[in-house]
Amino acid sequence: MTTASKITLVRVAFIPLLTVLMYMSNGASNLWMWLSLGVFIIASLTDYVDGHIARKHNQVTDFGKFLDPLADKLLVIAAMCMFCQWGKMPAWALMLVLTREFAVTGLRLVAVGKGKVIAAGWSGKIKTASTMIGLCVWMGFPGEYILSQIIIGIIVVTTVYSGVEYFIQNWKCLLD
């Protein structure tokens, strides 16, 4: 296993810790939420680090192309689920994110079955980065209603755009 993939697995390992810390905060701006924010920032930074190491040291693998976006999805969905549980994120927005993630993952699985790996595209990377930054800001200011609505808007727009782009660019994988 490459160093880059090991770093990605660290991101996955942070998810249960993040969830517990967010749960302990109960959605308030308190020590638990600040600890959640710290864990989320560190986990999010591993996304940049593993990609940088993979490219710099020629460690780009099919496993990494699969695991990296999966780790990103799990991390952000864990945080979004907590905001949804507290009534701060509407369920429809979370469902939209989940639908996009399952659809793109399904597309990737079909492509793999045909011998093709669909790596993360730029719109997916922008979606991931803007979502991670938005969730960081939201954790820092969990009680700010207007700010939360802006963050939800950014998450929804980038999610829909990147999902549509993945299918437009890779629709041939769905043909027999």
Protein backbone atom coordinates (compact mmCIF):
# COMPACT_ATOMS: atom_id res chain seq x y z
CA MET A 1 0.00 0.00 0.00
CA THR A 2 1.33 3.43 -0.92
CA THR A 3 1.98 6.26 1.51
CA ALA A 4 -0.74 8.29 -0.20
CA SER A 5 -3.32 5.53 0.36
CA LYS A 6 -2.28 5.19 4.01
CA ILE A 7 -2.90 8.93 4.47
CA THR A 8 -6.31 8.53 2.87
CA LEU A 9 -7.09 5.74 5.34
CA VAL A 10 -6.19 8.13 8.18
CA ARG A 11 -8.92 10.43 6.86
CA VAL A 12 -11.38 7.54 7.05
CA ALA A 13 -10.23 6.77 10.61
CA PHE A 14 -11.02 10.36 11.67
CA ILE A 15 -14.71 9.98 10.75
CA PRO A 16 -15.89 8.17 13.90
CA LEU A 17 -13.97 10.64 16.08
CA LEU A 18 -15.52 13.57 14.22
CA THR A 19 -18.99 12.11 14.62
CA VAL A 20 -18.60 11.55 18.37
CA LEU A 21 -17.20 15.04 18.95
CA MET A 22 -19.97 16.67 16.91
CA TYR A 23 -22.56 14.62 18.76
CA MET A 24 -21.11 15.79 22.09
CA SER A 25 -21.39 19.43 20.96
CA ASN A 26 -25.14 19.06 20.35
CA GLY A 27 -24.82 21.62 17.57
CA ALA A 28 -23.66 24.44 19.83
CA SER A 29 -20.55 26.58 19.61
CA ASN A 30 -18.66 24.97 22.48
CA LEU A 31 -15.43 23.09 23.17
CA TRP A 32 -16.78 19.92 21.54
CA MET A 33 -17.61 21.76 18.32
CA TRP A 34 -14.18 23.42 18.28
CA LEU A 35 -12.58 19.99 18.71
CA SER A 36 -14.82 18.73 15.90
CA LEU A 37 -13.63 21.58 13.73
CA GLY A 38 -9.99 20.74 14.48
CA VAL A 39 -10.49 17.08 13.56
CA PHE A 40 -12.41 18.05 10.42
CA ILE A 41 -9.68 20.47 9.31
CA ILE A 42 -6.93 17.91 9.84
CA ALA A 43 -8.94 15.24 8.02
CA SER A 44 -9.69 17.66 5.17
CA LEU A 45 -6.03 18.61 4.82
CA THR A 46 -5.13 14.96 4.33
CA ASP A 47 -7.09 15.17 1.06
CA TYR A 48 -4.54 17.67 -0.27
CA VAL A 49 -1.55 15.86 1.24
CA ASP A 50 -2.39 12.42 -0.13
CA GLY A 51 -3.00 13.82 -3.61
CA HIS A 52 0.23 15.80 -3.55
CA ILE A 53 2.25 12.77 -2.41
CA ALA A 54 0.58 10.50 -4.95
CA ARG A 55 1.42 12.81 -7.85
CA LYS A 56 4.90 13.83 -6.66
CA HIS A 57 6.07 10.30 -5.88
CA ASN A 58 4.24 8.54 -8.72
CA GLN A 59 1.91 6.75 -6.29
CA VAL A 60 -1.27 7.23 -8.29
CA THR A 61 -3.10 3.89 -8.20
CA ASP A 62 -6.54 2.63 -9.09
CA PHE A 63 -7.06 1.89 -5.39
CA GLY A 64 -6.21 5.51 -4.54
CA LYS A 65 -8.50 6.82 -7.27
CA PHE A 66 -11.30 4.80 -5.70
CA LEU A 67 -10.49 5.36 -2.01
CA ASP A 68 -9.75 9.10 -2.07
CA PRO A 69 -13.17 10.27 -3.30
CA LEU A 70 -14.86 7.69 -1.07
CA ALA A 71 -13.03 9.03 2.00
CA ASP A 72 -14.07 12.58 1.04
CA LYS A 73 -17.70 11.53 0.71
CA LEU A 74 -17.74 9.74 4.04
CA LEU A 75 -16.12 12.67 5.85
CA VAL A 76 -18.45 15.37 4.55
CA ILE A 77 -21.58 13.22 4.77
CA ALA A 78 -20.80 12.43 8.42
CA ALA A 79 -20.69 16.16 9.22
CA MET A 80 -23.78 16.90 7.13
CA CYS A 81 -25.72 14.13 8.89
CA MET A 82 -25.00 15.77 12.22
CA PHE A 83 -26.19 19.18 10.96
CA CYS A 84 -29.30 17.47 9.59
CA GLN A 85 -29.91 15.73 12.93
CA TRP A 86 -29.82 19.11 14.66
CA GLY A 87 -32.32 20.56 12.16
CA LYS A 88 -29.72 22.94 10.71
CA MET A 89 -29.50 21.27 7.29
CA PRO A 90 -32.67 20.33 5.46
CA ALA A 91 -33.05 16.63 4.74
CA TRP A 92 -33.73 17.35 1.05
CA ALA A 93 -30.27 18.92 0.70
CA LEU A 94 -28.60 15.96 2.40
CA MET A 95 -30.62 13.60 0.21
CA LEU A 96 -29.48 15.49 -2.90
CA VAL A 97 -25.85 15.11 -1.83
CA LEU A 98 -26.34 11.41 -1.07
CA THR A 99 -28.11 10.82 -4.40
CA ARG A 100 -25.27 12.47 -6.32
CA GLU A 101 -22.66 10.48 -4.43
CA PHE A 102 -24.43 7.15 -4.98
CA ALA A 103 -25.06 7.95 -8.65
CA VAL A 104 -21.43 8.91 -9.35
CA THR A 105 -20.19 5.88 -7.40
CA GLY A 106 -22.54 3.68 -9.45
CA LEU A 107 -21.22 5.23 -12.64
CA ARG A 108 -17.67 4.53 -11.48
CA LEU A 109 -18.55 0.89 -10.73
CA VAL A 110 -20.06 0.43 -14.18
CA ALA A 111 -16.94 1.99 -15.69
CA VAL A 112 -14.65 -0.31 -13.68
CA GLY A 113 -16.63 -3.28 -14.96
CA LYS A 114 -15.73 -2.12 -18.45
CA GLY A 115 -12.06 -1.64 -17.60
CA LYS A 116 -12.12 2.13 -17.13
CA VAL A 117 -11.41 4.11 -13.96
CA ILE A 118 -13.14 7.47 -13.63
CA ALA A 119 -10.88 9.71 -11.56
CA ALA A 120 -12.17 12.80 -9.76
CA GLY A 121 -12.76 15.66 -12.20
CA TRP A 122 -12.19 19.35 -11.50
CA SER A 123 -15.83 20.07 -10.76
CA GLY A 124 -15.83 17.22 -8.23
CA LYS A 125 -12.68 18.61 -6.64
CA ILE A 126 -14.21 22.08 -6.46
CA LYS A 127 -17.37 20.56 -4.93
CA THR A 128 -15.30 18.72 -2.35
CA ALA A 129 -13.14 21.73 -1.49
CA SER A 130 -16.05 24.17 -1.26
CA THR A 131 -18.06 21.70 0.81
CA MET A 132 -15.16 21.07 3.19
CA ILE A 133 -14.48 24.79 3.58
CA GLY A 134 -18.19 25.48 4.02
CA LEU A 135 -18.52 22.82 6.70
CA CYS A 136 -15.46 24.24 8.50
CA VAL A 137 -17.05 27.69 8.52
CA TRP A 138 -20.36 26.20 9.65
CA MET A 139 -18.69 24.37 12.53
CA GLY A 140 -17.01 27.61 13.54
CA PHE A 141 -20.32 29.50 13.49
CA PRO A 142 -23.05 26.86 13.95
CA GLY A 143 -25.68 29.34 15.10
CA GLU A 144 -25.48 31.75 12.15
CA TYR A 145 -28.65 31.14 10.13
CA ILE A 146 -27.84 33.30 7.06
CA LEU A 147 -24.33 31.85 6.84
CA SER A 148 -25.72 28.31 7.04
CA GLN A 149 -28.15 29.06 4.19
CA ILE A 150 -25.28 30.33 2.01
CA ILE A 151 -23.23 27.23 2.79
CA ILE A 152 -26.17 24.95 1.97
CA GLY A 153 -26.65 26.85 -1.31
CA ILE A 154 -23.00 26.41 -2.28
CA ILE A 155 -23.08 22.71 -1.38
CA VAL A 156 -26.26 22.14 -3.42
CA VAL A 157 -25.09 24.07 -6.51
CA THR A 158 -21.62 22.47 -6.65
CA THR A 159 -23.10 19.02 -5.96
CA VAL A 160 -25.64 19.24 -8.78
CA TYR A 161 -23.18 20.79 -11.24
CA SER A 162 -20.46 18.22 -10.65
CA GLY A 163 -22.92 15.32 -10.74
CA VAL A 164 -24.36 16.43 -14.07
CA GLU A 165 -20.84 16.98 -15.46
CA TYR A 166 -19.71 13.45 -14.46
CA PHE A 167 -22.64 11.93 -16.32
CA ILE A 168 -22.23 14.14 -19.40
CA GLN A 169 -18.52 13.28 -19.65
CA ASN A 170 -18.94 9.57 -18.97
CA TRP A 171 -22.36 8.64 -20.33
CA LYS A 172 -20.81 6.21 -22.82
CA CYS A 173 -19.90 3.95 -19.88
CA LEU A 174 -23.61 3.31 -19.41
CA LEU A 175 -24.08 2.00 -22.95
CA ASP A 176 -23.78 -1.74 -23.56
